[in-house]
Amino acid sequence: MTVSKNGYETMTRDVTTSAGATTDMGTLSLKSDADDVAPIMVAIAAAAILLIIGFVLVKKKS
């Protein structure tokens, strides 16, 4: 069985069952793809802060 949703990693599990039977797979938790973007967002935020500090320092010298 494969479970997928936009913004989340795809999960695949092997399932064996028979016709008309119910198989309890328990709780399935999908991992967000946003975890992969976090380091990039931190780098962008740090660059923006450095640009603002640089702008403020240049304005003070003027």
PDB file of N, CA and C in Angstrom:
ATOM      1  N   MET A   1       0.857  -1.156   0.000  1.00  0.00           N
ATOM      2  CA  MET A   1       0.000   0.000   0.000  1.00  0.00           C
ATOM      3  C   MET A   1       0.907   1.224   0.000  1.00  0.00           C
ATOM      4  N   THR A   2       0.559   2.209  -0.795  1.00  0.00           N
ATOM      5  CA  THR A   2       1.307   3.461  -0.846  1.00  0.00           C
ATOM      6  C   THR A   2       0.379   4.607  -0.482  1.00  0.00           C
ATOM      7  N   VAL A   3       0.857   5.470   0.432  1.00  0.00           N
ATOM      8  CA  VAL A   3       0.099   6.647   0.858  1.00  0.00           C
ATOM      9  C   VAL A   3       0.917   7.867   0.476  1.00  0.00           C
ATOM     10  N   SER A   4       0.288   8.815  -0.225  1.00  0.00           N
ATOM     11  CA  SER A   4       1.009  10.031  -0.603  1.00  0.00           C
ATOM     12  C   SER A   4       0.092  11.241  -0.500  1.00  0.00           C
ATOM     13  N   LYS A   5       0.714  12.393  -0.223  1.00  0.00           N
ATOM     14  CA  LYS A   5      -0.004  13.663  -0.145  1.00  0.00           C
ATOM     15  C   LYS A   5       1.000  14.758  -0.456  1.00  0.00           C
ATOM     16  N   ASN A   6       0.568  15.766  -1.213  1.00  0.00           N
ATOM     17  CA  ASN A   6       1.459  16.879  -1.538  1.00  0.00           C
ATOM     18  C   ASN A   6       2.022  17.489  -0.262  1.00  0.00           C
ATOM     19  N   GLY A   7       3.332  17.752  -0.257  1.00  0.00           N
ATOM     20  CA  GLY A   7       3.978  18.363   0.899  1.00  0.00           C
ATOM     21  C   GLY A   7       4.480  17.356   1.921  1.00  0.00           C
ATOM     22  N   TYR A   8       4.267  16.051   1.659  1.00  0.00           N
ATOM     23  CA  TYR A   8       4.703  15.004   2.581  1.00  0.00           C
ATOM     24  C   TYR A   8       5.452  13.926   1.823  1.00  0.00           C
ATOM     25  N   GLU A   9       6.359  13.221   2.533  1.00  0.00           N
ATOM     26  CA  GLU A   9       7.062  12.106   1.930  1.00  0.00           C
ATOM     27  C   GLU A   9       6.086  10.955   1.711  1.00  0.00           C
ATOM     28  N   THR A  10       6.269  10.228   0.616  1.00  0.00           N
ATOM     29  CA  THR A  10       5.419   9.074   0.310  1.00  0.00           C
ATOM     30  C   THR A  10       5.806   7.907   1.220  1.00  0.00           C
ATOM     31  N   MET A  11       4.804   7.193   1.708  1.00  0.00           N
ATOM     32  CA  MET A  11       5.035   6.033   2.568  1.00  0.00           C
ATOM     33  C   MET A  11       4.498   4.794   1.863  1.00  0.00           C
ATOM     34  N   THR A  12       5.306   3.724   1.844  1.00  0.00           N
ATOM     35  CA  THR A  12       4.890   2.457   1.245  1.00  0.00           C
ATOM     36  C   THR A  12       5.035   1.348   2.278  1.00  0.00           C
ATOM     37  N   ARG A  13       4.000   0.537   2.413  1.00  0.00           N
ATOM     38  CA  ARG A  13       3.991  -0.600   3.351  1.00  0.00           C
ATOM     39  C   ARG A  13       3.488  -1.841   2.618  1.00  0.00           C
ATOM     40  N   ASP A  14       4.081  -2.997   2.932  1.00  0.00           N
ATOM     41  CA  ASP A  14       3.583  -4.275   2.402  1.00  0.00           C
ATOM     42  C   ASP A  14       2.377  -4.696   3.234  1.00  0.00           C
ATOM     43  N   VAL A  15       1.304  -5.086   2.563  1.00  0.00           N
ATOM     44  CA  VAL A  15       0.075  -5.491   3.243  1.00  0.00           C
ATOM     45  C   VAL A  15      -0.383  -6.827   2.664  1.00  0.00           C
ATOM     46  N   THR A  16      -0.703  -7.784   3.551  1.00  0.00           N
ATOM     47  CA  THR A  16      -1.269  -9.054   3.116  1.00  0.00           C
ATOM     48  C   THR A  16      -2.643  -9.194   3.764  1.00  0.00           C
ATOM     49  N   THR A  17      -3.648  -9.411   2.954  1.00  0.00           N
ATOM     50  CA  THR A  17      -5.011  -9.562   3.457  1.00  0.00           C
ATOM     51  C   THR A  17      -5.778 -10.459   2.498  1.00  0.00           C
ATOM     52  N   SER A  18      -6.989 -10.801   2.840  1.00  0.00           N
ATOM     53  CA  SER A  18      -7.810 -11.624   1.942  1.00  0.00           C
ATOM     54  C   SER A  18      -9.115 -10.895   1.650  1.00  0.00           C
ATOM     55  N   ALA A  19      -9.819 -11.304   0.620  1.00  0.00           N
ATOM     56  CA  ALA A  19     -11.053 -10.648   0.206  1.00  0.00           C
ATOM     57  C   ALA A  19     -12.052 -10.596   1.358  1.00  0.00           C
ATOM     58  N   GLY A  20     -12.617  -9.430   1.590  1.00  0.00           N
ATOM     59  CA  GLY A  20     -13.632  -9.241   2.625  1.00  0.00           C
ATOM     60  C   GLY A  20     -13.064  -9.069   4.020  1.00  0.00           C
ATOM     61  N   ALA A  21     -11.750  -9.219   4.179  1.00  0.00           N
ATOM     62  CA  ALA A  21     -11.128  -9.085   5.499  1.00  0.00           C
ATOM     63  C   ALA A  21     -10.690  -7.642   5.736  1.00  0.00           C
ATOM     64  N   THR A  22     -10.551  -7.287   6.995  1.00  0.00           N
ATOM     65  CA  THR A  22     -10.054  -5.971   7.385  1.00  0.00           C
ATOM     66  C   THR A  22      -8.692  -6.144   8.042  1.00  0.00           C
ATOM     67  N   THR A  23      -7.728  -5.359   7.630  1.00  0.00           N
ATOM     68  CA  THR A  23      -6.383  -5.420   8.205  1.00  0.00           C
ATOM     69  C   THR A  23      -6.075  -4.080   8.858  1.00  0.00           C
ATOM     70  N   ASP A  24      -5.818  -4.108  10.159  1.00  0.00           N
ATOM     71  CA  ASP A  24      -5.496  -2.883  10.895  1.00  0.00           C
ATOM     72  C   ASP A  24      -4.011  -2.597  10.753  1.00  0.00           C
ATOM     73  N   MET A  25      -3.690  -1.454  10.152  1.00  0.00           N
ATOM     74  CA  MET A  25      -2.285  -1.068   9.957  1.00  0.00           C
ATOM     75  C   MET A  25      -1.803  -0.153  11.083  1.00  0.00           C
ATOM     76  N   GLY A  26      -2.677   0.155  12.021  1.00  0.00           N
ATOM     77  CA  GLY A  26      -2.297   1.079  13.083  1.00  0.00           C
ATOM     78  C   GLY A  26      -2.298   2.499  12.554  1.00  0.00           C
ATOM     79  N   THR A  27      -1.596   3.363  13.230  1.00  0.00           N
ATOM     80  CA  THR A  27      -1.518   4.772  12.825  1.00  0.00           C
ATOM     81  C   THR A  27      -0.364   4.961  11.852  1.00  0.00           C
ATOM     82  N   LEU A  28      -0.639   5.609  10.738  1.00  0.00           N
ATOM     83  CA  LEU A  28       0.400   5.930   9.762  1.00  0.00           C
ATOM     84  C   LEU A  28       0.685   7.427   9.852  1.00  0.00           C
ATOM     85  N   SER A  29       1.923   7.777  10.083  1.00  0.00           N
ATOM     86  CA  SER A  29       2.303   9.193  10.192  1.00  0.00           C
ATOM     87  C   SER A  29       3.222   9.555   9.039  1.00  0.00           C
ATOM     88  N   LEU A  30       2.792  10.529   8.245  1.00  0.00           N
ATOM     89  CA  LEU A  30       3.605  10.988   7.126  1.00  0.00           C
ATOM     90  C   LEU A  30       4.542  12.090   7.595  1.00  0.00           C
ATOM     91  N   LYS A  31       5.778  12.071   7.088  1.00  0.00           N
ATOM     92  CA  LYS A  31       6.770  13.087   7.429  1.00  0.00           C
ATOM     93  C   LYS A  31       6.655  14.243   6.441  1.00  0.00           C
ATOM     94  N   SER A  32       6.602  15.460   6.957  1.00  0.00           N
ATOM     95  CA  SER A  32       6.475  16.648   6.124  1.00  0.00           C
ATOM     96  C   SER A  32       7.745  16.904   5.332  1.00  0.00           C
ATOM     97  N   ASP A  33       7.589  17.315   4.067  1.00  0.00           N
ATOM     98  CA  ASP A  33       8.733  17.723   3.249  1.00  0.00           C
ATOM     99  C   ASP A  33       9.292  19.055   3.717  1.00  0.00           C
ATOM    100  N   ALA A  34       8.557  19.780   4.540  1.00  0.00           N
ATOM    101  CA  ALA A  34       8.993  21.096   5.014  1.00  0.00           C
ATOM    102  C   ALA A  34      10.287  20.998   5.792  1.00  0.00           C
ATOM    103  N   ASP A  35      10.580  19.844   6.396  1.00  0.00           N
ATOM    104  CA  ASP A  35      11.821  19.659   7.130  1.00  0.00           C
ATOM    105  C   ASP A  35      13.026  19.876   6.228  1.00  0.00           C
ATOM    106  N   ASP A  36      12.897  19.549   4.949  1.00  0.00           N
ATOM    107  CA  ASP A  36      13.993  19.713   4.006  1.00  0.00           C
ATOM    108  C   ASP A  36      14.215  21.179   3.639  1.00  0.00           C
ATOM    109  N   VAL A  37      13.220  22.007   3.814  1.00  0.00           N
ATOM    110  CA  VAL A  37      13.284  23.416   3.435  1.00  0.00           C
ATOM    111  C   VAL A  37      13.802  24.282   4.590  1.00  0.00           C
ATOM    112  N   ALA A  38      13.729  23.804   5.805  1.00  0.00           N
ATOM    113  CA  ALA A  38      14.093  24.595   6.980  1.00  0.00           C
ATOM    114  C   ALA A  38      15.501  25.186   6.896  1.00  0.00           C
ATOM    115  N   PRO A  39      16.544  24.426   6.557  1.00  0.00           N
ATOM    116  CA  PRO A  39      17.886  25.029   6.485  1.00  0.00           C
ATOM    117  C   PRO A  39      17.980  26.150   5.452  1.00  0.00           C
ATOM    118  N   ILE A  40      17.266  26.010   4.352  1.00  0.00           N
ATOM    119  CA  ILE A  40      17.272  27.051   3.320  1.00  0.00           C
ATOM    120  C   ILE A  40      16.611  28.317   3.854  1.00  0.00           C
ATOM    121  N   MET A  41      15.498  28.156   4.564  1.00  0.00           N
ATOM    122  CA  MET A  41      14.792  29.309   5.125  1.00  0.00           C
ATOM    123  C   MET A  41      15.659  30.030   6.160  1.00  0.00           C
ATOM    124  N   VAL A  42      16.400  29.287   6.965  1.00  0.00           N
ATOM    125  CA  VAL A  42      17.299  29.891   7.956  1.00  0.00           C
ATOM    126  C   VAL A  42      18.389  30.692   7.249  1.00  0.00           C
ATOM    127  N   ALA A  43      18.956  30.156   6.194  1.00  0.00           N
ATOM    128  CA  ALA A  43      20.000  30.853   5.444  1.00  0.00           C
ATOM    129  C   ALA A  43      19.463  32.134   4.809  1.00  0.00           C
ATOM    130  N   ILE A  44      18.256  32.088   4.256  1.00  0.00           N
ATOM    131  CA  ILE A  44      17.646  33.276   3.654  1.00  0.00           C
ATOM    132  C   ILE A  44      17.387  34.335   4.722  1.00  0.00           C
ATOM    133  N   ALA A  45      16.882  33.922   5.882  1.00  0.00           N
ATOM    134  CA  ALA A  45      16.616  34.867   6.971  1.00  0.00           C
ATOM    135  C   ALA A  45      17.909  35.504   7.457  1.00  0.00           C
ATOM    136  N   ALA A  46      18.966  34.705   7.592  1.00  0.00           N
ATOM    137  CA  ALA A  46      20.257  35.245   8.040  1.00  0.00           C
ATOM    138  C   ALA A  46      20.801  36.250   7.027  1.00  0.00           C
ATOM    139  N   ALA A  47      20.694  35.945   5.738  1.00  0.00           N
ATOM    140  CA  ALA A  47      21.162  36.865   4.698  1.00  0.00           C
ATOM    141  C   ALA A  47      20.375  38.172   4.737  1.00  0.00           C
ATOM    142  N   ALA A  48      19.064  38.084   4.949  1.00  0.00           N
ATOM    143  CA  ALA A  48      18.233  39.291   5.025  1.00  0.00           C
ATOM    144  C   ALA A  48      18.636  40.146   6.219  1.00  0.00           C
ATOM    145  N   ILE A  49      18.893  39.521   7.352  1.00  0.00           N
ATOM    146  CA  ILE A  49      19.306  40.267   8.554  1.00  0.00           C
ATOM    147  C   ILE A  49      20.640  40.963   8.312  1.00  0.00           C
ATOM    148  N   LEU A  50      21.579  40.261   7.685  1.00  0.00           N
ATOM    149  CA  LEU A  50      22.875  40.876   7.390  1.00  0.00           C
ATOM    150  C   LEU A  50      22.727  42.056   6.429  1.00  0.00           C
ATOM    151  N   LEU A  51      21.851  41.943   5.445  1.00  0.00           N
ATOM    152  CA  LEU A  51      21.615  43.052   4.525  1.00  0.00           C
ATOM    153  C   LEU A  51      21.022  44.259   5.250  1.00  0.00           C
ATOM    154  N   ILE A  52      20.100  44.023   6.149  1.00  0.00           N
ATOM    155  CA  ILE A  52      19.485  45.114   6.906  1.00  0.00           C
ATOM    156  C   ILE A  52      20.521  45.791   7.792  1.00  0.00           C
ATOM    157  N   ILE A  53      21.336  45.005   8.475  1.00  0.00           N
ATOM    158  CA  ILE A  53      22.385  45.579   9.330  1.00  0.00           C
ATOM    159  C   ILE A  53      23.357  46.395   8.484  1.00  0.00           C
ATOM    160  N   GLY A  54      23.746  45.855   7.317  1.00  0.00           N
ATOM    161  CA  GLY A  54      24.646  46.591   6.427  1.00  0.00           C
ATOM    162  C   GLY A  54      24.024  47.893   5.953  1.00  0.00           C
ATOM    163  N   PHE A  55      22.751  47.881   5.619  1.00  0.00           N
ATOM    164  CA  PHE A  55      22.049  49.088   5.174  1.00  0.00           C
ATOM    165  C   PHE A  55      22.018  50.131   6.288  1.00  0.00           C
ATOM    166  N   VAL A  56      21.736  49.693   7.501  1.00  0.00           N
ATOM    167  CA  VAL A  56      21.672  50.622   8.639  1.00  0.00           C
ATOM    168  C   VAL A  56      23.043  51.237   8.897  1.00  0.00           C
ATOM    169  N   LEU A  57      24.107  50.441   8.835  1.00  0.00           N
ATOM    170  CA  LEU A  57      25.441  50.964   9.060  1.00  0.00           C
ATOM    171  C   LEU A  57      25.850  51.964   7.983  1.00  0.00           C
ATOM    172  N   VAL A  58      25.507  51.704   6.741  1.00  0.00           N
ATOM    173  CA  VAL A  58      25.829  52.619   5.645  1.00  0.00           C
ATOM    174  C   VAL A  58      25.053  53.935   5.822  1.00  0.00           C
ATOM    175  N   LYS A  59      23.787  53.851   6.238  1.00  0.00           N
ATOM    176  CA  LYS A  59      22.982  55.060   6.442  1.00  0.00           C
ATOM    177  C   LYS A  59      23.552  55.899   7.589  1.00  0.00           C
ATOM    178  N   LYS A  60      24.069  55.256   8.619  1.00  0.00           N
ATOM    179  CA  LYS A  60      24.642  55.995   9.750  1.00  0.00           C
ATOM    180  C   LYS A  60      25.883  56.769   9.330  1.00  0.00           C
ATOM    181  N   LYS A  61      26.695  56.209   8.438  1.00  0.00           N
ATOM    182  CA  LYS A  61      27.918  56.863   7.974  1.00  0.00           C
ATOM    183  C   LYS A  61      27.605  58.032   7.060  1.00  0.00           C
ATOM    184  N   SER A  62      26.450  58.035   6.437  1.00  0.00           N
ATOM    185  CA  SER A  62      26.098  59.107   5.482  1.00  0.00           C
ATOM    186  C   SER A  62      25.655  60.359   6.161  1.00  0.00           C
TER     187      SER A  62
END
